[in-house]
Amino acid sequence: MTDKTFADRIDALEMRLTYQEETIETLNQAVTAQWKQIDALTRQLAELGERVREAEANRPGPANEPPPHY
Protein backbone atom coordinates (compact mmCIF):
# COMPACT_ATOMS: atom_id res chain seq x y z
CA MET A 1 0.00 0.00 0.00
CA THR A 2 1.37 3.37 -0.92
CA ASP A 3 1.67 6.28 1.46
CA LYS A 4 -0.73 8.35 -0.68
CA THR A 5 -3.44 5.72 -0.51
CA PHE A 6 -2.94 5.35 3.22
CA ALA A 7 -3.07 9.13 3.71
CA ASP A 8 -6.21 9.36 1.55
CA ARG A 9 -7.89 6.67 3.64
CA ILE A 10 -6.96 8.46 6.86
CA ASP A 11 -8.31 11.74 5.46
CA ALA A 12 -11.56 10.04 4.44
CA LEU A 13 -11.93 8.50 7.90
CA GLU A 14 -11.29 11.84 9.59
CA MET A 15 -13.92 13.51 7.42
CA ARG A 16 -16.45 10.78 8.20
CA LEU A 17 -15.69 11.09 11.91
CA THR A 18 -16.21 14.85 11.77
CA TYR A 19 -19.60 14.47 10.06
CA GLN A 20 -20.62 11.74 12.50
CA GLU A 21 -19.71 13.88 15.49
CA GLU A 22 -21.74 16.76 14.04
CA THR A 23 -24.70 14.45 13.44
CA ILE A 24 -24.51 13.04 16.95
CA GLU A 25 -24.45 16.53 18.44
CA THR A 26 -27.45 17.58 16.34
CA LEU A 27 -29.38 14.48 17.38
CA ASN A 28 -28.44 15.03 21.01
CA GLN A 29 -29.82 18.57 20.87
CA ALA A 30 -33.05 17.30 19.30
CA VAL A 31 -33.47 14.60 21.95
CA THR A 32 -32.78 17.08 24.74
CA ALA A 33 -35.38 19.49 23.36
CA GLN A 34 -37.91 16.67 23.05
CA TRP A 35 -37.34 15.56 26.64
CA LYS A 36 -37.86 19.11 27.86
CA GLN A 37 -41.13 19.26 25.95
CA ILE A 38 -42.21 15.83 27.23
CA ASP A 39 -41.42 16.92 30.79
CA ALA A 40 -43.44 20.12 30.40
CA LEU A 41 -46.38 18.22 28.89
CA THR A 42 -46.24 15.60 31.66
CA ARG A 43 -46.39 18.33 34.29
CA GLN A 44 -49.27 20.04 32.48
CA LEU A 45 -51.17 16.76 32.23
CA ALA A 46 -50.70 16.10 35.94
CA GLU A 47 -51.96 19.61 36.75
CA LEU A 48 -55.00 19.17 34.53
CA GLY A 49 -55.73 15.79 36.12
CA GLU A 50 -55.59 17.41 39.55
CA ARG A 51 -57.96 20.17 38.40
CA VAL A 52 -60.45 17.58 37.12
CA ARG A 53 -60.29 15.67 40.42
CA GLU A 54 -60.88 18.90 42.37
CA ALA A 55 -63.77 19.89 40.10
CA GLU A 56 -65.38 16.47 40.51
CA ALA A 57 -64.96 16.60 44.28
CA ASN A 58 -66.48 20.09 44.51
CA ARG A 59 -69.47 19.61 42.21
CA PRO A 60 -72.82 19.58 43.91
CA GLY A 61 -74.36 16.19 44.52
CA PRO A 62 -77.71 15.20 43.15
CA ALA A 63 -80.57 16.89 44.94
CA ASN A 64 -83.16 14.72 46.59
CA GLU A 65 -85.89 16.30 44.54
CA PRO A 66 -88.35 14.31 42.50
CA PRO A 67 -88.01 14.65 38.76
CA PRO A 68 -90.07 17.45 37.19
CA HIS A 69 -92.74 15.08 35.83
CA TYR A 70 -93.93 14.02 39.33
PDB file of N, CA and C in Angstrom:
ATOM      1  N   MET A   1       0.854  -1.178   0.000  1.00  0.00           N
ATOM      2  CA  MET A   1       0.000   0.000   0.000  1.00  0.00           C
ATOM      3  C   MET A   1       0.898   1.238   0.000  1.00  0.00           C
ATOM      4  N   THR A   2       0.548   2.168  -0.806  1.00  0.00           N
ATOM      5  CA  THR A   2       1.373   3.368  -0.916  1.00  0.00           C
ATOM      6  C   THR A   2       0.992   4.354   0.179  1.00  0.00           C
ATOM      7  N   ASP A   3       1.909   5.269   0.442  1.00  0.00           N
ATOM      8  CA  ASP A   3       1.670   6.284   1.458  1.00  0.00           C
ATOM      9  C   ASP A   3       0.519   7.198   1.073  1.00  0.00           C
ATOM     10  N   LYS A   4       0.360   7.476  -0.222  1.00  0.00           N
ATOM     11  CA  LYS A   4      -0.726   8.354  -0.677  1.00  0.00           C
ATOM     12  C   LYS A   4      -2.077   7.690  -0.430  1.00  0.00           C
ATOM     13  N   THR A   5      -2.198   6.429  -0.724  1.00  0.00           N
ATOM     14  CA  THR A   5      -3.444   5.718  -0.513  1.00  0.00           C
ATOM     15  C   THR A   5      -3.769   5.661   0.982  1.00  0.00           C
ATOM     16  N   PHE A   6      -2.748   5.403   1.768  1.00  0.00           N
ATOM     17  CA  PHE A   6      -2.939   5.353   3.218  1.00  0.00           C
ATOM     18  C   PHE A   6      -3.364   6.719   3.755  1.00  0.00           C
ATOM     19  N   ALA A   7      -2.725   7.767   3.282  1.00  0.00           N
ATOM     20  CA  ALA A   7      -3.066   9.133   3.707  1.00  0.00           C
ATOM     21  C   ALA A   7      -4.476   9.500   3.249  1.00  0.00           C
ATOM     22  N   ASP A   8      -4.853   9.090   2.040  1.00  0.00           N
ATOM     23  CA  ASP A   8      -6.207   9.361   1.548  1.00  0.00           C
ATOM     24  C   ASP A   8      -7.246   8.654   2.410  1.00  0.00           C
ATOM     25  N   ARG A   9      -6.963   7.429   2.794  1.00  0.00           N
ATOM     26  CA  ARG A   9      -7.893   6.673   3.641  1.00  0.00           C
ATOM     27  C   ARG A   9      -8.028   7.325   5.012  1.00  0.00           C
ATOM     28  N   ILE A  10      -6.923   7.782   5.553  1.00  0.00           N
ATOM     29  CA  ILE A  10      -6.955   8.463   6.856  1.00  0.00           C
ATOM     30  C   ILE A  10      -7.768   9.746   6.748  1.00  0.00           C
ATOM     31  N   ASP A  11      -7.555  10.502   5.674  1.00  0.00           N
ATOM     32  CA  ASP A  11      -8.311  11.744   5.458  1.00  0.00           C
ATOM     33  C   ASP A  11      -9.809  11.449   5.348  1.00  0.00           C
ATOM     34  N   ALA A  12     -10.152  10.408   4.595  1.00  0.00           N
ATOM     35  CA  ALA A  12     -11.562  10.045   4.436  1.00  0.00           C
ATOM     36  C   ALA A  12     -12.173   9.654   5.779  1.00  0.00           C
ATOM     37  N   LEU A  13     -11.434   8.893   6.576  1.00  0.00           N
ATOM     38  CA  LEU A  13     -11.932   8.501   7.900  1.00  0.00           C
ATOM     39  C   LEU A  13     -12.103   9.703   8.817  1.00  0.00           C
ATOM     40  N   GLU A  14     -11.179  10.634   8.771  1.00  0.00           N
ATOM     41  CA  GLU A  14     -11.287  11.839   9.589  1.00  0.00           C
ATOM     42  C   GLU A  14     -12.501  12.670   9.176  1.00  0.00           C
ATOM     43  N   MET A  15     -12.757  12.755   7.890  1.00  0.00           N
ATOM     44  CA  MET A  15     -13.924  13.510   7.423  1.00  0.00           C
ATOM     45  C   MET A  15     -15.209  12.828   7.876  1.00  0.00           C
ATOM     46  N   ARG A  16     -15.256  11.513   7.754  1.00  0.00           N
ATOM     47  CA  ARG A  16     -16.454  10.784   8.202  1.00  0.00           C
ATOM     48  C   ARG A  16     -16.662  10.969   9.698  1.00  0.00           C
ATOM     49  N   LEU A  17     -15.599  10.911  10.457  1.00  0.00           N
ATOM     50  CA  LEU A  17     -15.689  11.091  11.905  1.00  0.00           C
ATOM     51  C   LEU A  17     -16.218  12.481  12.245  1.00  0.00           C
ATOM     52  N   THR A  18     -15.748  13.491  11.530  1.00  0.00           N
ATOM     53  CA  THR A  18     -16.208  14.852  11.766  1.00  0.00           C
ATOM     54  C   THR A  18     -17.702  14.976  11.502  1.00  0.00           C
ATOM     55  N   TYR A  19     -18.169  14.417  10.382  1.00  0.00           N
ATOM     56  CA  TYR A  19     -19.602  14.471  10.056  1.00  0.00           C
ATOM     57  C   TYR A  19     -20.427  13.675  11.072  1.00  0.00           C
ATOM     58  N   GLN A  20     -19.904  12.542  11.511  1.00  0.00           N
ATOM     59  CA  GLN A  20     -20.617  11.737  12.500  1.00  0.00           C
ATOM     60  C   GLN A  20     -20.726  12.473  13.830  1.00  0.00           C
ATOM     61  N   GLU A  21     -19.670  13.116  14.245  1.00  0.00           N
ATOM     62  CA  GLU A  21     -19.713  13.881  15.494  1.00  0.00           C
ATOM     63  C   GLU A  21     -20.727  15.015  15.397  1.00  0.00           C
ATOM     64  N   GLU A  22     -20.774  15.684  14.244  1.00  0.00           N
ATOM     65  CA  GLU A  22     -21.740  16.761  14.043  1.00  0.00           C
ATOM     66  C   GLU A  22     -23.168  16.213  14.076  1.00  0.00           C
ATOM     67  N   THR A  23     -23.382  15.071  13.445  1.00  0.00           N
ATOM     68  CA  THR A  23     -24.703  14.449  13.436  1.00  0.00           C
ATOM     69  C   THR A  23     -25.119  14.036  14.838  1.00  0.00           C
ATOM     70  N   ILE A  24     -24.209  13.455  15.579  1.00  0.00           N
ATOM     71  CA  ILE A  24     -24.505  13.035  16.948  1.00  0.00           C
ATOM     72  C   ILE A  24     -24.868  14.244  17.807  1.00  0.00           C
ATOM     73  N   GLU A  25     -24.157  15.323  17.661  1.00  0.00           N
ATOM     74  CA  GLU A  25     -24.446  16.531  18.443  1.00  0.00           C
ATOM     75  C   GLU A  25     -25.823  17.091  18.071  1.00  0.00           C
ATOM     76  N   THR A  26     -26.137  17.104  16.783  1.00  0.00           N
ATOM     77  CA  THR A  26     -27.445  17.583  16.337  1.00  0.00           C
ATOM     78  C   THR A  26     -28.559  16.708  16.895  1.00  0.00           C
ATOM     79  N   LEU A  27     -28.377  15.401  16.835  1.00  0.00           N
ATOM     80  CA  LEU A  27     -29.380  14.481  17.381  1.00  0.00           C
ATOM     81  C   LEU A  27     -29.513  14.629  18.889  1.00  0.00           C
ATOM     82  N   ASN A  28     -28.406  14.843  19.565  1.00  0.00           N
ATOM     83  CA  ASN A  28     -28.443  15.032  21.014  1.00  0.00           C
ATOM     84  C   ASN A  28     -29.245  16.280  21.377  1.00  0.00           C
ATOM     85  N   GLN A  29     -29.055  17.344  20.620  1.00  0.00           N
ATOM     86  CA  GLN A  29     -29.817  18.573  20.868  1.00  0.00           C
ATOM     87  C   GLN A  29     -31.307  18.344  20.632  1.00  0.00           C
ATOM     88  N   ALA A  30     -31.642  17.584  19.594  1.00  0.00           N
ATOM     89  CA  ALA A  30     -33.048  17.299  19.302  1.00  0.00           C
ATOM     90  C   ALA A  30     -33.671  16.465  20.413  1.00  0.00           C
ATOM     91  N   VAL A  31     -32.960  15.457  20.879  1.00  0.00           N
ATOM     92  CA  VAL A  31     -33.475  14.604  21.946  1.00  0.00           C
ATOM     93  C   VAL A  31     -33.643  15.405  23.235  1.00  0.00           C
ATOM     94  N   THR A  32     -32.695  16.255  23.540  1.00  0.00           N
ATOM     95  CA  THR A  32     -32.783  17.084  24.739  1.00  0.00           C
ATOM     96  C   THR A  32     -33.997  18.008  24.667  1.00  0.00           C
ATOM     97  N   ALA A  33     -34.221  18.619  23.521  1.00  0.00           N
ATOM     98  CA  ALA A  33     -35.385  19.493  23.356  1.00  0.00           C
ATOM     99  C   ALA A  33     -36.679  18.702  23.492  1.00  0.00           C
ATOM    100  N   GLN A  34     -36.714  17.502  22.939  1.00  0.00           N
ATOM    101  CA  GLN A  34     -37.913  16.674  23.046  1.00  0.00           C
ATOM    102  C   GLN A  34     -38.182  16.278  24.491  1.00  0.00           C
ATOM    103  N   TRP A  35     -37.145  15.928  25.231  1.00  0.00           N
ATOM    104  CA  TRP A  35     -37.342  15.559  26.637  1.00  0.00           C
ATOM    105  C   TRP A  35     -37.842  16.735  27.461  1.00  0.00           C
ATOM    106  N   LYS A  36     -37.352  17.923  27.157  1.00  0.00           N
ATOM    107  CA  LYS A  36     -37.856  19.110  27.860  1.00  0.00           C
ATOM    108  C   LYS A  36     -39.334  19.298  27.575  1.00  0.00           C
ATOM    109  N   GLN A  37     -39.720  19.107  26.317  1.00  0.00           N
ATOM    110  CA  GLN A  37     -41.125  19.259  25.949  1.00  0.00           C
ATOM    111  C   GLN A  37     -41.973  18.159  26.589  1.00  0.00           C
ATOM    112  N   ILE A  38     -41.478  16.935  26.593  1.00  0.00           N
ATOM    113  CA  ILE A  38     -42.207  15.835  27.233  1.00  0.00           C
ATOM    114  C   ILE A  38     -42.377  16.111  28.715  1.00  0.00           C
ATOM    115  N   ASP A  39     -41.338  16.600  29.361  1.00  0.00           N
ATOM    116  CA  ASP A  39     -41.418  16.915  30.790  1.00  0.00           C
ATOM    117  C   ASP A  39     -42.460  17.991  31.049  1.00  0.00           C
ATOM    118  N   ALA A  40     -42.466  19.043  30.238  1.00  0.00           N
ATOM    119  CA  ALA A  40     -43.443  20.121  30.400  1.00  0.00           C
ATOM    120  C   ALA A  40     -44.856  19.603  30.180  1.00  0.00           C
ATOM    121  N   LEU A  41     -45.050  18.768  29.161  1.00  0.00           N
ATOM    122  CA  LEU A  41     -46.379  18.218  28.894  1.00  0.00           C
ATOM    123  C   LEU A  41     -46.835  17.267  29.999  1.00  0.00           C
ATOM    124  N   THR A  42     -45.905  16.505  30.557  1.00  0.00           N
ATOM    125  CA  THR A  42     -46.238  15.603  31.661  1.00  0.00           C
ATOM    126  C   THR A  42     -46.690  16.398  32.875  1.00  0.00           C
ATOM    127  N   ARG A  43     -45.989  17.470  33.169  1.00  0.00           N
ATOM    128  CA  ARG A  43     -46.392  18.332  34.291  1.00  0.00           C
ATOM    129  C   ARG A  43     -47.762  18.959  34.038  1.00  0.00           C
ATOM    130  N   GLN A  44     -47.991  19.423  32.822  1.00  0.00           N
ATOM    131  CA  GLN A  44     -49.268  20.037  32.483  1.00  0.00           C
ATOM    132  C   GLN A  44     -50.397  19.014  32.586  1.00  0.00           C
ATOM    133  N   LEU A  45     -50.156  17.806  32.140  1.00  0.00           N
ATOM    134  CA  LEU A  45     -51.168  16.760  32.232  1.00  0.00           C
ATOM    135  C   LEU A  45     -51.486  16.435  33.682  1.00  0.00           C
ATOM    136  N   ALA A  46     -50.472  16.361  34.527  1.00  0.00           N
ATOM    137  CA  ALA A  46     -50.700  16.104  35.945  1.00  0.00           C
ATOM    138  C   ALA A  46     -51.519  17.228  36.575  1.00  0.00           C
ATOM    139  N   GLU A  47     -51.215  18.463  36.217  1.00  0.00           N
ATOM    140  CA  GLU A  47     -51.958  19.609  36.745  1.00  0.00           C
ATOM    141  C   GLU A  47     -53.419  19.571  36.295  1.00  0.00           C
ATOM    142  N   LEU A  48     -53.632  19.254  35.029  1.00  0.00           N
ATOM    143  CA  LEU A  48     -55.004  19.175  34.527  1.00  0.00           C
ATOM    144  C   LEU A  48     -55.770  18.024  35.190  1.00  0.00           C
ATOM    145  N   GLY A  49     -55.096  16.912  35.425  1.00  0.00           N
ATOM    146  CA  GLY A  49     -55.728  15.795  36.122  1.00  0.00           C
ATOM    147  C   GLY A  49     -56.136  16.189  37.528  1.00  0.00           C
ATOM    148  N   GLU A  50     -55.279  16.927  38.203  1.00  0.00           N
ATOM    149  CA  GLU A  50     -55.595  17.409  39.554  1.00  0.00           C
ATOM    150  C   GLU A  50     -56.786  18.363  39.514  1.00  0.00           C
ATOM    151  N   ARG A  51     -56.828  19.231  38.529  1.00  0.00           N
ATOM    152  CA  ARG A  51     -57.960  20.165  38.402  1.00  0.00           C
ATOM    153  C   ARG A  51     -59.275  19.408  38.193  1.00  0.00           C
ATOM    154  N   VAL A  52     -59.238  18.371  37.377  1.00  0.00           N
ATOM    155  CA  VAL A  52     -60.445  17.578  37.122  1.00  0.00           C
ATOM    156  C   VAL A  52     -60.892  16.895  38.413  1.00  0.00           C
ATOM    157  N   ARG A  53     -59.948  16.320  39.146  1.00  0.00           N
ATOM    158  CA  ARG A  53     -60.291  15.669  40.424  1.00  0.00           C
ATOM    159  C   ARG A  53     -60.907  16.670  41.395  1.00  0.00           C
ATOM    160  N   GLU A  54     -60.330  17.868  41.475  1.00  0.00           N
ATOM    161  CA  GLU A  54     -60.880  18.902  42.368  1.00  0.00           C
ATOM    162  C   GLU A  54     -62.269  19.324  41.920  1.00  0.00           C
ATOM    163  N   ALA A  55     -62.457  19.476  40.612  1.00  0.00           N
ATOM    164  CA  ALA A  55     -63.766  19.888  40.099  1.00  0.00           C
ATOM    165  C   ALA A  55     -64.812  18.812  40.378  1.00  0.00           C
ATOM    166  N   GLU A  56     -64.440  17.562  40.225  1.00  0.00           N
ATOM    167  CA  GLU A  56     -65.378  16.475  40.506  1.00  0.00           C
ATOM    168  C   GLU A  56     -65.705  16.401  41.990  1.00  0.00           C
ATOM    169  N   ALA A  57     -64.729  16.661  42.832  1.00  0.00           N
ATOM    170  CA  ALA A  57     -64.956  16.600  44.276  1.00  0.00           C
ATOM    171  C   ALA A  57     -65.819  17.765  44.747  1.00  0.00           C
ATOM    172  N   ASN A  58     -65.760  18.895  44.079  1.00  0.00           N
ATOM    173  CA  ASN A  58     -66.485  20.088  44.505  1.00  0.00           C
ATOM    174  C   ASN A  58     -67.831  20.280  43.816  1.00  0.00           C
ATOM    175  N   ARG A  59     -68.184  19.420  42.897  1.00  0.00           N
ATOM    176  CA  ARG A  59     -69.465  19.605  42.212  1.00  0.00           C
ATOM    177  C   ARG A  59     -70.600  19.226  43.161  1.00  0.00           C
ATOM    178  N   PRO A  60     -71.708  19.882  43.018  1.00  0.00           N
ATOM    179  CA  PRO A  60     -72.823  19.578  43.908  1.00  0.00           C
ATOM    180  C   PRO A  60     -73.378  18.187  43.606  1.00  0.00           C
ATOM    181  N   GLY A  61     -73.795  17.527  44.672  1.00  0.00           N
ATOM    182  CA  GLY A  61     -74.364  16.192  44.522  1.00  0.00           C
ATOM    183  C   GLY A  61     -75.781  16.294  44.001  1.00  0.00           C
ATOM    184  N   PRO A  62     -76.335  15.172  43.649  1.00  0.00           N
ATOM    185  CA  PRO A  62     -77.715  15.204  43.154  1.00  0.00           C
ATOM    186  C   PRO A  62     -78.670  15.598  44.281  1.00  0.00           C
ATOM    187  N   ALA A  63     -79.583  16.448  43.951  1.00  0.00           N
ATOM    188  CA  ALA A  63     -80.566  16.890  44.944  1.00  0.00           C
ATOM    189  C   ALA A  63     -81.603  15.792  45.134  1.00  0.00           C
ATOM    190  N   ASN A  64     -82.136  15.722  46.309  1.00  0.00           N
ATOM    191  CA  ASN A  64     -83.162  14.720  46.591  1.00  0.00           C
ATOM    192  C   ASN A  64     -84.528  15.261  46.216  1.00  0.00           C
ATOM    193  N   GLU A  65     -84.639  15.756  45.047  1.00  0.00           N
ATOM    194  CA  GLU A  65     -85.892  16.295  44.544  1.00  0.00           C
ATOM    195  C   GLU A  65     -86.476  15.299  43.549  1.00  0.00           C
ATOM    196  N   PRO A  66     -87.766  15.202  43.517  1.00  0.00           N
ATOM    197  CA  PRO A  66     -88.349  14.314  42.504  1.00  0.00           C
ATOM    198  C   PRO A  66     -88.173  14.931  41.110  1.00  0.00           C
ATOM    199  N   PRO A  67     -88.127  14.122  40.104  1.00  0.00           N
ATOM    200  CA  PRO A  67     -88.008  14.653  38.761  1.00  0.00           C
ATOM    201  C   PRO A  67     -89.170  15.567  38.435  1.00  0.00           C
ATOM    202  N   PRO A  68     -89.027  16.456  37.485  1.00  0.00           N
ATOM    203  CA  PRO A  68     -90.066  17.449  37.190  1.00  0.00           C
ATOM    204  C   PRO A  68     -91.407  16.849  36.766  1.00  0.00           C
ATOM    205  N   HIS A  69     -91.464  15.631  36.287  1.00  0.00           N
ATOM    206  CA  HIS A  69     -92.740  15.083  35.828  1.00  0.00           C
ATOM    207  C   HIS A  69     -93.578  14.489  36.944  1.00  0.00           C
ATOM    208  N   TYR A  70     -93.111  14.539  38.212  1.00  0.00           N
ATOM    209  CA  TYR A  70     -93.927  14.024  39.325  1.00  0.00           C
ATOM    210  C   TYR A  70     -94.707  15.116  39.951  1.00  0.00           C
TER     211      TYR A  70
END
